[in-house]
Amino acid sequence: MEYFRGTWYDKAKPLELYKKKKASYTTSKRGVPDQPLYFDSIQCNVRKLIELPLHLIRCKLFKDFRDEMACRFEWLYAKCKYVSVSSLVEDMKMALAEMDAAGDIDDVETYNDIKTVEQLLSLGFENIRKDSSHLALQVYLV
């Protein structure tokens, strides 16, 4: 998950010494490549689009899933265009099912936000599937 978020990109490797002292290897980088959503104007990071939602859901980071994916138009559009709208709907359904199974319905706002996006995508599924640019119209109309 941290790999796709770019957490360790261009950062020194942390070091924990005995007696709970913390430091870092100042010359030692992890060698982790940057993981932007788009590599350039025409090439998207499809692996990130496919794998990051699964990792966030399995780690039960539902707020992060909502903030970074479900309620972020750039992510929704990229996933519809470069992967598929059905994959996006499945991500939303999986997040909702995991929240139900984990008993994490206490966070009603997060649950409702993800549920709203899932319903929006389900209602406009055929239009978005035919042309991913219709996603903006679906969001605007709802």
N, C-alpha and C. Protein backbone atom coordinates (compact mmCIF):
# COMPACT_ATOMS: atom_id res chain seq x y z
N MET A 1 0.82 -1.17 0.00
CA MET A 1 0.00 0.00 0.00
C MET A 1 0.88 1.25 0.00
N GLU A 2 1.89 1.28 0.85
CA GLU A 2 2.78 2.44 0.91
C GLU A 2 3.54 2.61 -0.40
N TYR A 3 3.77 1.51 -1.09
CA TYR A 3 4.46 1.56 -2.38
C TYR A 3 3.65 2.39 -3.37
N PHE A 4 2.37 2.10 -3.50
CA PHE A 4 1.53 2.80 -4.47
C PHE A 4 1.19 4.22 -4.05
N ARG A 5 1.23 4.49 -2.79
CA ARG A 5 1.00 5.85 -2.32
C ARG A 5 2.24 6.73 -2.49
N GLY A 6 3.38 6.09 -2.73
CA GLY A 6 4.62 6.85 -2.89
C GLY A 6 5.20 7.32 -1.57
N THR A 7 4.85 6.64 -0.49
CA THR A 7 5.29 7.04 0.84
C THR A 7 6.81 7.06 0.97
N TRP A 8 7.48 6.08 0.41
CA TRP A 8 8.92 5.95 0.59
C TRP A 8 9.72 6.46 -0.61
N TYR A 9 9.08 7.10 -1.54
CA TYR A 9 9.79 7.65 -2.69
C TYR A 9 10.75 8.75 -2.26
N ASP A 10 12.00 8.60 -2.62
CA ASP A 10 13.04 9.60 -2.39
C ASP A 10 13.18 9.99 -0.92
N LYS A 11 13.03 9.01 -0.02
CA LYS A 11 13.20 9.26 1.41
C LYS A 11 14.29 8.36 1.97
N ALA A 12 14.97 8.86 2.97
CA ALA A 12 16.01 8.07 3.62
C ALA A 12 15.39 6.93 4.41
N LYS A 13 16.10 5.83 4.48
CA LYS A 13 15.62 4.66 5.20
C LYS A 13 15.70 4.90 6.70
N PRO A 14 14.59 4.76 7.42
CA PRO A 14 14.63 4.98 8.87
C PRO A 14 15.41 3.88 9.58
N LEU A 15 16.00 4.22 10.69
CA LEU A 15 16.82 3.29 11.46
C LEU A 15 16.44 3.41 12.92
N GLU A 16 16.18 2.27 13.55
CA GLU A 16 15.91 2.26 14.98
C GLU A 16 17.08 1.58 15.66
N LEU A 17 17.72 2.30 16.53
CA LEU A 17 18.85 1.78 17.28
C LEU A 17 18.37 1.20 18.61
N TYR A 18 19.26 0.55 19.31
CA TYR A 18 18.89 0.05 20.62
C TYR A 18 18.61 1.22 21.55
N LYS A 19 17.98 0.99 22.64
CA LYS A 19 17.54 2.01 23.61
C LYS A 19 16.56 3.00 22.99
N LYS A 20 15.85 2.54 21.98
CA LYS A 20 14.76 3.29 21.35
C LYS A 20 15.17 4.62 20.73
N LYS A 21 16.42 4.71 20.32
CA LYS A 21 16.87 5.90 19.60
C LYS A 21 16.51 5.73 18.14
N LYS A 22 16.13 6.80 17.50
CA LYS A 22 15.76 6.74 16.10
C LYS A 22 16.66 7.66 15.29
N ALA A 23 16.96 7.22 14.09
CA ALA A 23 17.81 8.00 13.18
C ALA A 23 17.45 7.57 11.77
N SER A 24 18.27 7.95 10.82
CA SER A 24 18.07 7.47 9.45
C SER A 24 19.41 7.41 8.75
N TYR A 25 19.48 6.53 7.78
CA TYR A 25 20.66 6.46 6.93
C TYR A 25 20.55 7.61 5.95
N THR A 26 21.32 8.63 6.13
CA THR A 26 21.14 9.81 5.29
C THR A 26 21.51 9.57 3.84
N THR A 27 22.38 8.63 3.58
CA THR A 27 22.79 8.37 2.19
C THR A 27 22.09 7.17 1.60
N SER A 28 21.23 6.54 2.35
CA SER A 28 20.57 5.33 1.89
C SER A 28 19.11 5.60 1.53
N LYS A 29 18.83 5.57 0.27
CA LYS A 29 17.46 5.71 -0.21
C LYS A 29 16.90 4.31 -0.46
N ARG A 30 15.61 4.16 -0.40
CA ARG A 30 14.99 2.85 -0.60
C ARG A 30 14.96 2.43 -2.07
N GLY A 31 15.12 3.36 -2.96
CA GLY A 31 15.09 3.02 -4.38
C GLY A 31 13.70 2.73 -4.88
N VAL A 32 12.70 3.27 -4.23
CA VAL A 32 11.31 3.06 -4.62
C VAL A 32 10.95 4.13 -5.64
N PRO A 33 10.41 3.72 -6.78
CA PRO A 33 10.04 4.72 -7.79
C PRO A 33 8.80 5.51 -7.38
N ASP A 34 8.68 6.68 -7.94
CA ASP A 34 7.50 7.51 -7.72
C ASP A 34 6.29 6.80 -8.33
N GLN A 35 5.13 6.96 -7.70
CA GLN A 35 3.90 6.31 -8.18
C GLN A 35 2.80 7.34 -8.41
N PRO A 36 2.97 8.19 -9.43
CA PRO A 36 1.90 9.15 -9.71
C PRO A 36 0.72 8.45 -10.39
N LEU A 37 -0.39 9.11 -10.43
CA LEU A 37 -1.56 8.55 -11.12
C LEU A 37 -1.31 8.52 -12.63
N TYR A 38 -0.69 9.58 -13.13
CA TYR A 38 -0.33 9.65 -14.55
C TYR A 38 1.18 9.80 -14.67
N PHE A 39 1.79 8.95 -15.50
CA PHE A 39 3.22 9.06 -15.75
C PHE A 39 3.52 10.25 -16.67
N ASP A 40 2.67 10.43 -17.64
CA ASP A 40 2.73 11.59 -18.53
C ASP A 40 1.32 11.87 -19.01
N SER A 41 1.17 12.70 -20.01
CA SER A 41 -0.17 13.13 -20.42
C SER A 41 -1.03 12.01 -21.02
N ILE A 42 -0.40 10.92 -21.47
CA ILE A 42 -1.18 9.86 -22.10
C ILE A 42 -1.03 8.49 -21.44
N GLN A 43 -0.11 8.35 -20.49
CA GLN A 43 0.13 7.05 -19.88
C GLN A 43 -0.25 7.07 -18.41
N CYS A 44 -1.18 6.19 -18.05
CA CYS A 44 -1.70 6.13 -16.69
C CYS A 44 -1.06 4.96 -15.94
N ASN A 45 -0.98 5.08 -14.64
CA ASN A 45 -0.44 4.03 -13.78
C ASN A 45 -1.54 3.02 -13.48
N VAL A 46 -1.75 2.10 -14.40
CA VAL A 46 -2.86 1.14 -14.30
C VAL A 46 -2.68 0.21 -13.11
N ARG A 47 -1.45 -0.17 -12.84
CA ARG A 47 -1.22 -1.07 -11.70
C ARG A 47 -1.67 -0.42 -10.40
N LYS A 48 -1.42 0.86 -10.25
CA LYS A 48 -1.87 1.59 -9.06
C LYS A 48 -3.40 1.63 -9.01
N LEU A 49 -4.03 1.87 -10.16
CA LEU A 49 -5.49 1.92 -10.22
C LEU A 49 -6.13 0.60 -9.80
N ILE A 50 -5.47 -0.49 -10.12
CA ILE A 50 -6.03 -1.81 -9.82
C ILE A 50 -5.72 -2.24 -8.39
N GLU A 51 -4.49 -2.05 -7.95
CA GLU A 51 -4.06 -2.64 -6.69
C GLU A 51 -4.27 -1.78 -5.44
N LEU A 52 -4.14 -0.47 -5.54
CA LEU A 52 -4.26 0.36 -4.33
C LEU A 52 -5.63 0.25 -3.67
N PRO A 53 -6.74 0.26 -4.41
CA PRO A 53 -8.04 0.10 -3.72
C PRO A 53 -8.14 -1.20 -2.93
N LEU A 54 -7.63 -2.29 -3.50
CA LEU A 54 -7.68 -3.57 -2.81
C LEU A 54 -6.89 -3.54 -1.51
N HIS A 55 -5.71 -2.92 -1.54
CA HIS A 55 -4.89 -2.85 -0.34
C HIS A 55 -5.56 -1.99 0.74
N LEU A 56 -6.10 -0.86 0.35
CA LEU A 56 -6.76 0.01 1.33
C LEU A 56 -7.98 -0.67 1.95
N ILE A 57 -8.74 -1.37 1.14
CA ILE A 57 -9.93 -2.06 1.65
C ILE A 57 -9.53 -3.20 2.58
N ARG A 58 -8.55 -3.99 2.18
CA ARG A 58 -8.12 -5.12 3.02
C ARG A 58 -7.51 -4.66 4.34
N CYS A 59 -6.88 -3.48 4.33
CA CYS A 59 -6.30 -2.92 5.56
C CYS A 59 -7.34 -2.15 6.37
N LYS A 60 -8.56 -2.13 5.87
CA LYS A 60 -9.68 -1.45 6.54
C LYS A 60 -9.43 0.05 6.72
N LEU A 61 -8.80 0.65 5.73
CA LEU A 61 -8.57 2.10 5.72
C LEU A 61 -9.64 2.75 4.86
N PHE A 62 -10.87 2.70 5.35
CA PHE A 62 -12.01 3.14 4.56
C PHE A 62 -12.05 4.64 4.34
N LYS A 63 -11.63 5.41 5.33
CA LYS A 63 -11.59 6.87 5.14
C LYS A 63 -10.58 7.25 4.07
N ASP A 64 -9.43 6.58 4.08
CA ASP A 64 -8.42 6.84 3.05
C ASP A 64 -8.95 6.43 1.68
N PHE A 65 -9.65 5.30 1.63
CA PHE A 65 -10.26 4.85 0.37
C PHE A 65 -11.23 5.90 -0.14
N ARG A 66 -12.05 6.42 0.75
CA ARG A 66 -13.02 7.44 0.35
C ARG A 66 -12.31 8.71 -0.13
N ASP A 67 -11.34 9.18 0.64
CA ASP A 67 -10.68 10.45 0.32
C ASP A 67 -9.81 10.37 -0.93
N GLU A 68 -9.09 9.26 -1.10
CA GLU A 68 -8.15 9.14 -2.21
C GLU A 68 -8.78 8.60 -3.49
N MET A 69 -9.89 7.91 -3.38
CA MET A 69 -10.47 7.27 -4.55
C MET A 69 -11.94 7.57 -4.77
N ALA A 70 -12.78 7.15 -3.87
CA ALA A 70 -14.22 7.20 -4.09
C ALA A 70 -14.74 8.62 -4.28
N CYS A 71 -14.17 9.59 -3.61
CA CYS A 71 -14.66 10.97 -3.72
C CYS A 71 -13.66 11.87 -4.45
N ARG A 72 -12.88 11.30 -5.29
CA ARG A 72 -11.89 12.07 -6.04
C ARG A 72 -12.13 11.85 -7.54
N PHE A 73 -12.59 12.88 -8.22
CA PHE A 73 -12.99 12.74 -9.62
C PHE A 73 -11.83 12.27 -10.50
N GLU A 74 -10.64 12.79 -10.27
CA GLU A 74 -9.48 12.41 -11.09
C GLU A 74 -9.26 10.90 -11.05
N TRP A 75 -9.39 10.31 -9.87
CA TRP A 75 -9.21 8.86 -9.72
C TRP A 75 -10.35 8.11 -10.42
N LEU A 76 -11.58 8.55 -10.19
CA LEU A 76 -12.74 7.88 -10.79
C LEU A 76 -12.64 7.89 -12.32
N TYR A 77 -12.28 9.03 -12.87
CA TYR A 77 -12.19 9.16 -14.33
C TYR A 77 -11.07 8.27 -14.88
N ALA A 78 -9.92 8.28 -14.22
CA ALA A 78 -8.79 7.46 -14.69
C ALA A 78 -9.15 5.98 -14.65
N LYS A 79 -9.81 5.55 -13.59
CA LYS A 79 -10.18 4.13 -13.48
C LYS A 79 -11.20 3.75 -14.54
N CYS A 80 -12.17 4.63 -14.80
CA CYS A 80 -13.16 4.36 -15.85
C CYS A 80 -12.50 4.30 -17.22
N LYS A 81 -11.59 5.21 -17.47
CA LYS A 81 -10.99 5.31 -18.80
C LYS A 81 -9.96 4.22 -19.07
N TYR A 82 -9.09 3.95 -18.09
CA TYR A 82 -7.96 3.05 -18.34
C TYR A 82 -8.17 1.62 -17.84
N VAL A 83 -9.14 1.40 -16.95
CA VAL A 83 -9.43 0.04 -16.50
C VAL A 83 -10.84 -0.29 -16.97
N SER A 84 -11.85 -0.02 -16.16
CA SER A 84 -13.25 -0.18 -16.58
C SER A 84 -14.16 0.33 -15.48
N VAL A 85 -15.34 0.70 -15.88
CA VAL A 85 -16.32 1.18 -14.90
C VAL A 85 -16.80 0.01 -14.03
N SER A 86 -16.85 -1.19 -14.59
CA SER A 86 -17.28 -2.35 -13.79
C SER A 86 -16.27 -2.64 -12.67
N SER A 87 -15.00 -2.46 -12.94
CA SER A 87 -13.98 -2.64 -11.91
C SER A 87 -14.14 -1.59 -10.81
N LEU A 88 -14.48 -0.39 -11.19
CA LEU A 88 -14.70 0.68 -10.23
C LEU A 88 -15.91 0.39 -9.35
N VAL A 89 -16.98 -0.08 -9.96
CA VAL A 89 -18.18 -0.44 -9.19
C VAL A 89 -17.86 -1.58 -8.23
N GLU A 90 -17.09 -2.55 -8.68
CA GLU A 90 -16.70 -3.67 -7.82
C GLU A 90 -15.87 -3.20 -6.62
N ASP A 91 -14.99 -2.21 -6.84
CA ASP A 91 -14.22 -1.65 -5.73
C ASP A 91 -15.15 -1.04 -4.68
N MET A 92 -16.14 -0.30 -5.15
CA MET A 92 -17.08 0.34 -4.23
C MET A 92 -17.89 -0.71 -3.46
N LYS A 93 -18.36 -1.72 -4.17
CA LYS A 93 -19.14 -2.78 -3.53
C LYS A 93 -18.29 -3.55 -2.52
N MET A 94 -17.02 -3.79 -2.87
CA MET A 94 -16.14 -4.50 -1.96
C MET A 94 -15.89 -3.68 -0.69
N ALA A 95 -15.71 -2.37 -0.85
CA ALA A 95 -15.50 -1.50 0.31
C ALA A 95 -16.73 -1.52 1.22
N LEU A 96 -17.91 -1.43 0.62
CA LEU A 96 -19.14 -1.45 1.41
C LEU A 96 -19.32 -2.80 2.12
N ALA A 97 -19.04 -3.90 1.42
CA ALA A 97 -19.16 -5.22 2.02
C ALA A 97 -18.17 -5.41 3.17
N GLU A 98 -16.95 -4.92 2.98
CA GLU A 98 -15.94 -5.02 4.05
C GLU A 98 -16.32 -4.15 5.26
N MET A 99 -16.89 -3.00 4.99
CA MET A 99 -17.34 -2.15 6.11
C MET A 99 -18.46 -2.85 6.88
N ASP A 100 -19.37 -3.50 6.15
CA ASP A 100 -20.44 -4.26 6.81
C ASP A 100 -19.86 -5.41 7.63
N ALA A 101 -18.94 -6.15 7.02
CA ALA A 101 -18.35 -7.31 7.69
C ALA A 101 -17.52 -6.91 8.90
N ALA A 102 -16.83 -5.78 8.80
CA ALA A 102 -15.97 -5.32 9.90
C ALA A 102 -16.79 -4.64 11.00
N GLY A 103 -18.04 -4.39 10.72
CA GLY A 103 -18.87 -3.69 11.70
C GLY A 103 -18.48 -2.23 11.83
N ASP A 104 -17.94 -1.68 10.75
CA ASP A 104 -17.44 -0.30 10.77
C ASP A 104 -18.51 0.66 10.24
N ILE A 105 -19.74 0.40 10.59
CA ILE A 105 -20.83 1.26 10.15
C ILE A 105 -20.95 2.47 11.08
N ASP A 106 -20.13 2.52 12.13
CA ASP A 106 -20.14 3.67 13.02
C ASP A 106 -19.75 4.94 12.28
N ASP A 107 -18.90 4.78 11.27
CA ASP A 107 -18.49 5.93 10.47
C ASP A 107 -19.51 6.08 9.33
N VAL A 108 -20.65 6.61 9.68
CA VAL A 108 -21.78 6.71 8.75
C VAL A 108 -21.45 7.60 7.56
N GLU A 109 -20.72 8.67 7.79
CA GLU A 109 -20.39 9.61 6.71
C GLU A 109 -19.56 8.93 5.61
N THR A 110 -18.55 8.19 6.01
CA THR A 110 -17.71 7.48 5.04
C THR A 110 -18.54 6.44 4.29
N TYR A 111 -19.34 5.68 5.01
CA TYR A 111 -20.18 4.65 4.40
C TYR A 111 -21.14 5.27 3.39
N ASN A 112 -21.80 6.35 3.78
CA ASN A 112 -22.77 7.00 2.89
C ASN A 112 -22.10 7.60 1.66
N ASP A 113 -20.91 8.17 1.82
CA ASP A 113 -20.19 8.73 0.67
C ASP A 113 -19.85 7.64 -0.35
N ILE A 114 -19.33 6.53 0.14
CA ILE A 114 -18.98 5.42 -0.76
C ILE A 114 -20.24 4.84 -1.40
N LYS A 115 -21.30 4.71 -0.62
CA LYS A 115 -22.58 4.19 -1.13
C LYS A 115 -23.16 5.10 -2.21
N THR A 116 -23.06 6.41 -2.02
CA THR A 116 -23.57 7.36 -3.01
C THR A 116 -22.81 7.25 -4.32
N VAL A 117 -21.49 7.14 -4.24
CA VAL A 117 -20.68 7.01 -5.46
C VAL A 117 -20.99 5.68 -6.16
N GLU A 118 -21.16 4.63 -5.37
CA GLU A 118 -21.50 3.32 -5.96
C GLU A 118 -22.84 3.39 -6.68
N GLN A 119 -23.82 4.05 -6.09
CA GLN A 119 -25.13 4.18 -6.72
C GLN A 119 -25.05 5.04 -7.98
N LEU A 120 -24.29 6.11 -7.91
CA LEU A 120 -24.10 6.98 -9.06
C LEU A 120 -23.50 6.21 -10.24
N LEU A 121 -22.48 5.39 -9.95
CA LEU A 121 -21.84 4.61 -11.00
C LEU A 121 -22.77 3.52 -11.53
N SER A 122 -23.53 2.92 -10.65
CA SER A 122 -24.46 1.86 -11.08
C SER A 122 -25.56 2.43 -11.98
N LEU A 123 -26.08 3.61 -11.63
CA LEU A 123 -27.14 4.23 -12.43
C LEU A 123 -26.64 4.63 -13.82
N GLY A 124 -25.45 5.15 -13.88
CA GLY A 124 -24.92 5.61 -15.17
C GLY A 124 -23.98 4.63 -15.83
N PHE A 125 -24.04 3.37 -15.40
CA PHE A 125 -23.09 2.36 -15.86
C PHE A 125 -22.99 2.28 -17.38
N GLU A 126 -24.11 2.14 -18.05
CA GLU A 126 -24.09 1.97 -19.51
C GLU A 126 -23.52 3.19 -20.23
N ASN A 127 -23.91 4.38 -19.81
CA ASN A 127 -23.39 5.59 -20.44
C ASN A 127 -21.88 5.74 -20.21
N ILE A 128 -21.44 5.48 -18.99
CA ILE A 128 -20.01 5.62 -18.67
C ILE A 128 -19.21 4.54 -19.39
N ARG A 129 -19.77 3.33 -19.49
CA ARG A 129 -19.08 2.23 -20.17
C ARG A 129 -18.84 2.57 -21.63
N LYS A 130 -19.82 3.20 -22.27
CA LYS A 130 -19.68 3.57 -23.69
C LYS A 130 -18.67 4.68 -23.90
N ASP A 131 -18.64 5.64 -22.98
CA ASP A 131 -17.70 6.77 -23.09
C ASP A 131 -17.39 7.27 -21.69
N SER A 132 -16.14 7.14 -21.29
CA SER A 132 -15.75 7.50 -19.92
C SER A 132 -15.92 8.99 -19.62
N SER A 133 -15.98 9.81 -20.66
CA SER A 133 -16.18 11.25 -20.41
C SER A 133 -17.60 11.54 -19.90
N HIS A 134 -18.50 10.59 -20.01
CA HIS A 134 -19.86 10.75 -19.48
C HIS A 134 -19.90 10.70 -17.95
N LEU A 135 -18.79 10.32 -17.35
CA LEU A 135 -18.73 10.30 -15.89
C LEU A 135 -18.99 11.69 -15.32
N ALA A 136 -18.43 12.70 -15.95
CA ALA A 136 -18.63 14.07 -15.47
C ALA A 136 -20.11 14.45 -15.52
N LEU A 137 -20.81 14.04 -16.57
CA LEU A 137 -22.24 14.33 -16.68
C LEU A 137 -23.03 13.62 -15.59
N GLN A 138 -22.66 12.38 -15.29
CA GLN A 138 -23.36 11.63 -14.26
C GLN A 138 -23.17 12.28 -12.89
N VAL A 139 -21.96 12.72 -12.62
CA VAL A 139 -21.67 13.38 -11.34
C VAL A 139 -22.43 14.69 -11.25
N TYR A 140 -22.47 15.43 -12.35
CA TYR A 140 -23.15 16.72 -12.37
C TYR A 140 -24.66 16.56 -12.19
N LEU A 141 -25.22 15.55 -12.83
CA LEU A 141 -26.67 15.37 -12.77
C LEU A 141 -27.15 14.86 -11.40
N VAL A 142 -26.29 14.22 -10.69
CA VAL A 142 -26.68 13.69 -9.37
C VAL A 142 -26.33 14.67 -8.33
